[in-house]
Amino acid sequence: DTSSESSLSNIRSTASDKSSSTDKPWYAGVLNSQDFSQSHPSHAKFLESLDALSERKRAVLLDTTLSAGKKQEGLESLALASGARVEDLCIYFQFAPSSTVYGYTEHDLKPCGGTIPLTTLNIEEYCDATRSFCLDTGIRRQLDNFKSGFNSVFPLSSLRMFSPEEVRMLLCGEMTPNWTKQDILEYTEPKFGFTRESEGFLNLAEVLVEMSPGERKNFLQFATGCSSLPPGGLANLNPRLTVVKKEGE
């Protein structure tokens, strides 16, 4: 059957098509499916359902016990978990951003993508094109400009001595604030009616220690205007947290 053979050929050619590409960006291999899920959760969930459908399609095409006619019937019966067939979704080879703030409503994933519908036969190509746009071609200009701007201040090549975790710590500080009671007592300054032995100050230290990571971030955002700590934690926070006593009128 022509359509079955075309589908099988499309699956087998995916890997060779990817390997033949030589125009790789400088950040190739850095971003992955986890980054895609975090930046585009709704699109990622939909593509996961298409991936599952693709596996079922592959199983039908590679089943040597089925005749060409049975394979065609199997392909035509494939549907998403919701029961809908991809052909009924009226989706085309275009990417629609989650907000109009990006300045466009859709982008063709391939030439004339607005006229090419998503079908069971081309779901692999659609998934690859969508992920490529979100993790490569659609962000290439922004990342190239980021690299250029960063290099004008500090050469990126000089960061090779650091691990990714160390670079994140240097640039962003401690994203998950961590402190002990001793840190609070040592690096927080009680003033104007409070001392390190004051009951109110000690009670505050106990409350801060018992906070969850999310509560700690909220507290820092409220107290300092930033939800993270600098490298080194409270010891390097400048100015330091100050606790003062305010008497009721």
Protein backbone atom coordinates (compact mmCIF):
# COMPACT_ATOMS: atom_id res chain seq x y z
CA ASP A 1 0.00 0.00 0.00
CA THR A 2 1.42 3.37 -1.04
CA SER A 3 0.45 5.34 2.09
CA SER A 4 1.80 2.61 4.41
CA GLU A 5 5.11 2.50 2.54
CA SER A 6 5.29 6.30 2.65
CA SER A 7 4.74 6.32 6.42
CA LEU A 8 7.40 3.68 7.03
CA SER A 9 9.84 5.54 4.80
CA ASN A 10 9.15 8.76 6.72
CA ILE A 11 9.97 7.08 10.03
CA ARG A 12 13.21 5.53 8.76
CA SER A 13 14.41 8.78 7.17
CA THR A 14 14.01 10.90 10.32
CA ALA A 15 17.40 10.02 11.77
CA SER A 16 19.27 10.53 8.49
CA ASP A 17 17.55 13.88 7.92
CA LYS A 18 18.71 15.09 11.32
CA SER A 19 22.29 13.89 10.89
CA SER A 20 22.60 15.56 7.49
CA SER A 21 22.05 19.01 8.99
CA THR A 22 25.31 20.92 9.38
CA ASP A 23 23.90 24.28 10.34
CA LYS A 24 23.97 23.70 14.10
CA PRO A 25 23.77 26.63 16.53
CA TRP A 26 26.42 27.23 19.17
CA TYR A 27 23.99 26.04 21.87
CA ALA A 28 23.16 22.75 20.10
CA GLY A 29 22.57 19.95 22.58
CA VAL A 30 22.09 22.24 25.57
CA LEU A 31 18.30 22.43 25.49
CA ASN A 32 16.25 19.24 25.74
CA SER A 33 12.72 17.93 26.14
CA GLN A 34 12.67 18.94 29.80
CA ASP A 35 13.38 22.56 28.84
CA PHE A 36 10.63 22.32 26.22
CA SER A 37 8.17 21.04 28.85
CA GLN A 38 9.03 23.91 31.17
CA SER A 39 8.84 26.65 28.54
CA HIS A 40 5.84 25.30 26.59
CA PRO A 41 3.91 22.95 28.92
CA SER A 42 0.70 22.78 26.87
CA HIS A 43 2.52 22.16 23.59
CA ALA A 44 4.76 19.56 25.26
CA LYS A 45 1.77 17.65 26.60
CA PHE A 46 0.17 17.58 23.16
CA LEU A 47 3.37 16.42 21.48
CA GLU A 48 3.70 13.64 24.05
CA SER A 49 0.28 12.38 22.99
CA LEU A 50 1.42 12.53 19.36
CA ASP A 51 4.59 10.61 20.25
CA ALA A 52 2.46 7.87 21.80
CA LEU A 53 0.33 7.79 18.65
CA SER A 54 3.47 7.58 16.54
CA GLU A 55 4.60 4.50 18.47
CA ARG A 56 1.27 2.82 17.84
CA LYS A 57 1.56 3.77 14.17
CA ARG A 58 5.06 2.28 14.05
CA ALA A 59 3.80 -0.95 15.58
CA VAL A 60 1.15 -1.26 12.86
CA LEU A 61 3.59 -0.57 10.03
CA LEU A 62 6.20 -3.02 11.33
CA ASP A 63 3.73 -5.82 12.02
CA THR A 64 4.67 -8.46 9.42
CA THR A 65 1.52 -10.47 10.13
CA LEU A 66 -0.70 -7.76 8.66
CA SER A 67 -1.52 -7.39 5.01
CA ALA A 68 -1.27 -4.02 3.30
CA GLY A 69 -5.03 -3.61 3.56
CA LYS A 70 -5.07 -4.43 7.28
CA LYS A 71 -2.24 -1.99 7.89
CA GLN A 72 -4.19 0.72 6.14
CA GLU A 73 -7.22 -0.06 8.29
CA GLY A 74 -5.03 0.08 11.37
CA LEU A 75 -3.65 3.47 10.42
CA GLU A 76 -7.10 4.87 9.74
CA SER A 77 -8.34 3.67 13.15
CA LEU A 78 -5.55 5.35 15.11
CA ALA A 79 -6.78 8.05 17.50
CA LEU A 80 -5.60 10.06 20.47
CA ALA A 81 -6.48 9.13 24.04
CA SER A 82 -9.47 11.47 23.79
CA GLY A 83 -10.82 9.41 20.90
CA ALA A 84 -10.22 12.15 18.32
CA ARG A 85 -8.27 11.52 15.14
CA VAL A 86 -5.51 14.04 14.43
CA GLU A 87 -7.09 14.81 11.06
CA ASP A 88 -10.20 16.07 12.87
CA LEU A 89 -8.25 18.62 14.94
CA CYS A 90 -7.72 21.00 12.00
CA ILE A 91 -4.11 21.63 13.02
CA TYR A 92 -1.60 22.83 10.43
CA PHE A 93 2.18 23.00 10.29
CA GLN A 94 2.24 26.24 12.28
CA PHE A 95 3.30 27.20 15.78
CA ALA A 96 0.96 29.41 17.78
CA PRO A 97 2.53 31.13 20.83
CA SER A 98 0.71 31.14 24.16
CA SER A 99 0.49 34.94 24.20
CA THR A 100 0.23 37.83 21.74
CA VAL A 101 3.05 39.58 23.62
CA TYR A 102 5.51 37.84 21.28
CA GLY A 103 4.27 39.94 18.37
CA TYR A 104 2.94 37.16 16.14
CA THR A 105 -0.03 34.79 16.17
CA GLU A 106 1.44 31.89 14.21
CA HIS A 107 4.67 30.86 12.50
CA ASP A 108 5.00 28.39 9.63
CA LEU A 109 7.03 25.35 10.70
CA LYS A 110 7.84 24.70 7.04
CA PRO A 111 7.18 26.61 3.79
CA CYS A 112 3.43 27.11 3.31
CA GLY A 113 2.84 25.43 6.65
CA GLY A 114 -0.54 27.11 6.94
CA THR A 115 -1.82 24.93 4.10
CA ILE A 116 -0.34 21.61 5.31
CA PRO A 117 -2.64 19.78 7.74
CA LEU A 118 -1.43 17.51 10.53
CA THR A 119 -2.27 13.90 9.73
CA THR A 120 -1.38 10.46 11.00
CA LEU A 121 1.15 10.21 8.16
CA ASN A 122 3.20 13.27 9.15
CA ILE A 123 2.98 13.42 12.96
CA GLU A 124 6.71 12.67 13.34
CA GLU A 125 7.63 15.55 11.06
CA TYR A 126 5.23 17.86 12.90
CA CYS A 127 6.69 16.95 16.33
CA ASP A 128 10.26 17.39 15.12
CA ALA A 129 9.46 20.73 13.46
CA THR A 130 7.69 22.08 16.56
CA ARG A 131 10.49 21.11 18.94
CA SER A 132 13.11 22.43 16.53
CA PHE A 133 11.35 25.80 16.35
CA CYS A 134 10.99 26.11 20.12
CA LEU A 135 14.50 24.95 20.99
CA ASP A 136 16.49 26.11 17.95
CA THR A 137 15.30 28.16 14.99
CA GLY A 138 12.66 30.13 16.89
CA ILE A 139 15.09 31.32 19.57
CA ARG A 140 18.34 31.48 17.61
CA ARG A 141 18.33 35.25 17.10
CA GLN A 142 17.57 35.92 20.76
CA LEU A 143 20.31 33.57 21.99
CA ASP A 144 22.82 34.93 19.48
CA ASN A 145 22.12 38.45 20.74
CA PHE A 146 22.37 37.24 24.33
CA LYS A 147 25.76 35.67 23.59
CA SER A 148 26.97 38.84 21.87
CA GLY A 149 25.86 41.03 24.77
CA PHE A 150 27.33 38.69 27.38
CA ASN A 151 30.64 38.51 25.52
CA SER A 152 30.86 42.30 25.50
CA VAL A 153 30.93 42.19 29.32
CA PHE A 154 32.59 38.87 30.05
CA PRO A 155 33.81 36.32 27.46
CA LEU A 156 31.71 33.17 27.60
CA SER A 157 34.83 31.12 26.88
CA SER A 158 36.19 32.12 30.29
CA LEU A 159 33.29 30.32 31.97
CA ARG A 160 34.53 26.93 30.83
CA MET A 161 36.39 26.49 34.11
CA PHE A 162 33.05 26.41 35.94
CA SER A 163 30.41 23.70 36.02
CA PRO A 164 26.84 24.65 34.98
CA GLU A 165 25.80 24.57 38.64
CA GLU A 166 28.60 26.97 39.58
CA VAL A 167 27.70 29.39 36.78
CA ARG A 168 24.06 29.36 37.85
CA MET A 169 25.11 30.08 41.43
CA LEU A 170 27.35 32.97 40.34
CA LEU A 171 24.68 34.55 38.14
CA CYS A 172 21.49 33.80 40.03
CA GLY A 173 22.53 33.11 43.60
CA GLU A 174 20.86 30.41 45.68
CA MET A 175 17.58 29.74 43.90
CA THR A 176 16.43 27.56 46.82
CA PRO A 177 17.25 29.62 49.93
CA ASN A 178 18.84 27.56 52.64
CA TRP A 179 19.70 28.68 56.15
CA THR A 180 20.01 27.36 59.68
CA LYS A 181 19.06 28.92 62.98
CA GLN A 182 22.73 29.68 63.57
CA ASP A 183 22.92 31.50 60.23
CA ILE A 184 19.96 33.67 61.19
CA LEU A 185 21.34 34.47 64.63
CA GLU A 186 24.78 35.26 63.23
CA TYR A 187 23.97 37.15 60.04
CA THR A 188 20.72 38.96 60.95
CA GLU A 189 21.02 42.19 62.90
CA PRO A 190 18.50 42.92 65.69
CA LYS A 191 18.27 46.65 66.45
CA PHE A 192 16.20 49.34 68.12
CA GLY A 193 14.81 47.35 71.03
CA PHE A 194 15.82 43.84 69.96
CA THR A 195 18.99 41.93 70.90
CA ARG A 196 20.13 38.45 69.93
CA GLU A 197 18.71 37.23 73.24
CA SER A 198 15.28 38.86 72.82
CA GLU A 199 12.39 36.40 72.85
CA GLY A 200 10.75 38.00 69.82
CA PHE A 201 13.94 37.76 67.78
CA LEU A 202 14.51 34.13 68.75
CA ASN A 203 10.90 33.29 67.89
CA LEU A 204 11.39 34.85 64.45
CA ALA A 205 14.49 32.69 63.94
CA GLU A 206 12.48 29.57 64.76
CA VAL A 207 9.76 30.53 62.29
CA LEU A 208 12.26 31.23 59.51
CA VAL A 209 13.97 27.86 60.02
CA GLU A 210 10.66 26.00 59.78
CA MET A 211 9.66 27.68 56.50
CA SER A 212 9.37 25.61 53.34
CA PRO A 213 11.57 26.51 50.33
CA GLY A 214 8.66 28.34 48.71
CA GLU A 215 7.92 30.28 51.89
CA ARG A 216 11.58 31.24 52.21
CA LYS A 217 11.57 32.62 48.67
CA ASN A 218 8.41 34.62 49.44
CA PHE A 219 9.95 35.96 52.63
CA LEU A 220 13.10 37.08 50.84
CA GLN A 221 11.05 38.70 48.09
CA PHE A 222 9.10 40.64 50.72
CA ALA A 223 12.11 41.58 52.86
CA THR A 224 14.76 42.25 50.21
CA GLY A 225 12.95 42.57 46.87
CA CYS A 226 14.69 39.45 45.55
CA SER A 227 13.58 35.85 46.05
CA SER A 228 17.10 34.37 46.04
CA LEU A 229 20.25 34.74 48.11
CA PRO A 230 23.69 35.68 46.77
CA PRO A 231 26.41 33.00 46.62
CA GLY A 232 27.33 32.22 50.20
CA GLY A 233 23.82 32.70 51.52
CA LEU A 234 22.87 35.04 54.35
CA ALA A 235 26.53 35.67 55.14
CA ASN A 236 26.94 37.58 51.86
CA LEU A 237 23.59 39.37 51.83
CA ASN A 238 24.28 43.11 51.68
CA PRO A 239 22.75 44.97 53.37
CA ARG A 240 22.01 42.35 55.96
CA LEU A 241 18.55 41.59 57.24
CA THR A 242 17.68 43.91 60.11
CA VAL A 243 14.96 43.23 62.68
CA VAL A 244 13.69 46.18 64.68
CA LYS A 245 11.14 46.45 67.47
CA LYS A 246 8.14 48.63 66.85
CA GLU A 247 6.01 49.48 69.85
CA GLY A 248 2.28 49.81 69.43
CA GLU A 249 0.85 53.27 69.77
